Protein backbone atom coordinates (compact mmCIF):
# COMPACT_ATOMS: atom_id res chain seq x y z
CA MET A 1 74.35 44.42 -52.28
CA THR A 2 77.76 43.47 -54.57
CA PRO A 3 77.93 39.65 -55.40
CA PHE A 4 81.06 39.41 -53.50
CA PHE A 5 79.57 40.71 -50.03
CA ARG A 6 76.52 38.47 -50.78
CA LEU A 7 78.81 35.39 -50.95
CA SER A 8 80.63 37.18 -48.05
CA LEU A 9 77.57 37.24 -45.95
CA ILE A 10 76.59 33.28 -46.95
CA LEU A 11 79.83 31.82 -46.25
CA VAL A 12 80.26 33.38 -42.31
CA ALA A 13 76.29 32.19 -42.05
CA LEU A 14 78.00 28.90 -43.08
CA LEU A 15 80.82 28.88 -40.89
CA CYS A 16 78.61 29.66 -38.19
CA THR A 17 76.76 26.84 -37.87
CA SER A 18 77.49 23.06 -39.00
CA ALA A 19 74.53 22.06 -40.17
CA SER A 20 73.39 21.33 -43.63
CA ILE A 21 73.42 23.64 -46.55
CA PRO A 22 70.66 25.80 -46.58
CA ALA A 23 67.91 24.45 -48.72
CA ARG A 24 67.39 28.54 -50.05
CA ALA A 25 70.75 29.98 -49.56
CA ASP A 26 69.16 33.75 -49.02
CA PRO A 27 71.31 36.41 -46.34
CA ALA A 28 68.13 37.36 -45.37
CA ILE A 29 66.54 34.24 -45.02
CA GLN A 30 68.05 30.65 -44.50
CA ILE A 31 66.04 27.52 -44.63
CA PHE A 32 67.49 24.13 -43.61
CA ASP A 33 65.99 20.69 -45.34
CA MET A 34 65.48 19.24 -42.31
CA ASP A 35 65.62 15.68 -43.94
CA GLY A 36 69.30 16.59 -45.02
CA LEU A 37 70.68 17.25 -41.47
CA VAL A 38 74.64 16.57 -40.64
CA TRP A 39 74.52 14.72 -37.37
CA GLN A 40 77.67 14.11 -35.67
CA ASP A 41 78.24 12.07 -32.71
CA TYR A 42 77.47 13.68 -28.97
CA PRO A 43 81.36 13.13 -27.51
CA GLY A 44 80.98 10.75 -24.38
CA LEU A 45 77.14 9.40 -24.78
CA PRO A 46 76.96 6.98 -27.04
CA GLY A 47 73.80 7.33 -29.26
CA VAL A 48 72.89 10.59 -29.11
CA LYS A 49 73.90 12.64 -32.04
CA PHE A 50 73.74 16.45 -32.42
CA VAL A 51 73.42 19.03 -35.43
CA VAL A 52 74.35 22.89 -34.63
CA LEU A 53 71.13 25.50 -36.42
CA ALA A 54 72.42 28.38 -35.49
CA GLY A 55 75.30 30.27 -33.63
CA ASN A 56 77.61 28.51 -31.37
CA PRO A 57 77.30 26.84 -28.53
CA ARG A 58 80.62 27.26 -27.56
CA GLU A 59 80.84 31.28 -27.66
CA PRO A 60 78.77 34.40 -26.28
CA GLY A 61 75.64 34.28 -28.21
CA LEU A 62 72.14 32.93 -28.86
CA TYR A 63 72.32 29.32 -29.94
CA VAL A 64 70.01 26.52 -31.63
CA ILE A 65 70.74 22.63 -31.39
CA ARG A 66 68.96 19.84 -32.16
CA ALA A 67 69.85 16.26 -30.24
CA LYS A 68 68.69 12.99 -31.46
CA PHE A 69 68.69 10.15 -28.92
CA ALA A 70 68.13 6.54 -29.77
CA PRO A 71 65.89 4.30 -27.85
CA HIS A 72 66.65 3.66 -24.74
CA THR A 73 69.72 6.63 -23.95
CA MET A 74 69.75 8.82 -21.35
CA SER A 75 72.42 10.93 -19.81
CA ARG A 76 73.62 11.04 -16.66
CA PRO A 77 73.54 13.64 -13.85
CA HIS A 78 74.81 16.85 -15.43
CA TRP A 79 73.91 20.77 -15.56
CA HIS A 80 75.09 23.56 -17.30
CA PRO A 81 75.88 26.87 -17.03
CA GLU A 82 73.34 28.52 -18.92
CA ALA A 83 69.36 27.99 -19.22
CA ARG A 84 68.64 25.69 -21.87
CA TYR A 85 65.03 26.01 -23.61
CA VAL A 86 63.85 22.47 -24.84
CA THR A 87 61.27 22.06 -27.35
CA VAL A 88 60.36 18.43 -28.13
CA VAL A 89 59.87 17.86 -32.29
CA LYS A 90 59.81 14.12 -32.63
CA GLY A 91 58.97 10.71 -29.85
CA THR A 92 58.74 11.37 -26.01
CA TRP A 93 61.36 13.04 -24.00
CA TRP A 94 61.92 12.03 -20.53
CA ALA A 95 63.75 14.54 -17.76
CA GLY A 96 64.58 14.07 -14.13
CA THR A 97 66.67 16.04 -11.55
CA GLY A 98 68.86 15.02 -9.32
CA ASP A 99 71.81 13.79 -9.01
CA LYS A 100 70.54 10.15 -8.75
CA PHE A 101 70.51 8.82 -11.48
CA ASP A 102 66.85 6.96 -11.66
CA PRO A 103 64.84 6.50 -15.48
CA GLU A 104 62.10 5.66 -14.02
CA SER A 105 61.27 8.51 -12.02
CA THR A 106 61.63 10.78 -15.57
CA THR A 107 58.77 12.88 -16.61
CA PRO A 108 57.37 12.42 -20.24
CA ILE A 109 57.24 15.12 -22.85
CA ALA A 110 55.47 14.50 -25.85
CA ALA A 111 56.23 15.78 -29.08
CA GLY A 112 55.54 19.43 -28.86
CA GLY A 113 56.04 19.65 -25.33
CA PHE A 114 58.27 22.46 -24.11
CA ALA A 115 60.51 22.43 -20.76
CA ILE A 116 63.29 24.57 -19.34
CA HIS A 117 66.50 23.88 -18.01
CA ALA A 118 67.68 25.91 -15.33
CA PRO A 119 71.14 26.90 -14.68
CA ARG A 120 73.29 24.80 -13.15
CA GLU A 121 70.31 22.53 -11.89
CA VAL A 122 71.48 19.42 -11.84
CA HIS A 123 69.31 17.29 -14.23
CA TYR A 124 69.24 13.88 -17.03
CA ASP A 125 67.53 12.91 -19.82
CA GLY A 126 66.57 10.84 -22.45
CA ALA A 127 64.72 8.87 -24.83
CA LYS A 128 62.96 5.31 -23.83
CA ASP A 129 61.40 2.60 -26.30
CA GLU A 130 61.62 5.23 -28.86
CA GLU A 131 63.71 7.57 -31.04
CA ALA A 132 63.18 11.42 -29.21
CA ILE A 133 64.76 14.70 -30.95
CA VAL A 134 64.52 17.79 -29.44
CA GLN A 135 65.67 21.32 -29.85
CA ILE A 136 67.76 23.56 -27.07
CA THR A 137 67.80 26.88 -27.49
CA GLY A 138 70.64 29.06 -25.03
CA MET A 139 73.02 31.78 -24.47
CA GLY A 140 76.17 30.28 -24.90
CA PRO A 141 79.06 29.87 -24.25
CA SER A 142 77.15 26.39 -23.69
CA GLY A 143 79.16 23.26 -21.72
CA THR A 144 78.11 20.02 -19.66
CA THR A 145 79.48 18.93 -16.07
CA VAL A 146 78.78 15.82 -15.38
CA VAL A 147 78.11 14.96 -11.41
CA THR A 148 78.27 11.73 -9.29
CA PRO A 149 76.10 11.89 -6.25
CA ALA A 150 79.36 13.12 -3.99
CA GLU A 151 80.24 16.23 -6.20
CA PRO A 152 78.13 19.23 -5.23
CA LYS A 153 77.45 21.47 -8.33
CA ARG A 154 79.20 24.39 -8.46
């Protein structure tokens, strides 16, 4: 493999993610320094930050993101067009279903726990008394549609 080709592979890999520079830049394996992630504010949801680890959620194909919920931060009822596979990395993440926002009816999922959000099913989730970090994997293109009780899911 020529040095130019190897550099091209590394640049393409970096352009496909918004994560920080891998701790080891090698086209055969990318190891990321989790302490060095560059978190971005999640548009429209104060208190939530995210980072793309792999892929691009807006494009077809596999993606992996992390989302960080500040204490007392929950999303409002919404749905996604694709199934989402969620692993709780830190803290306790709380998940609820339906278009009625009721944080008291959410189910706690502790660090190490796993959940699947079915496609097009209305849900809400987030953190209560402590920060929660989740890793979400899915097949793009992804999207989020916020609903109100009077608005049916599509």
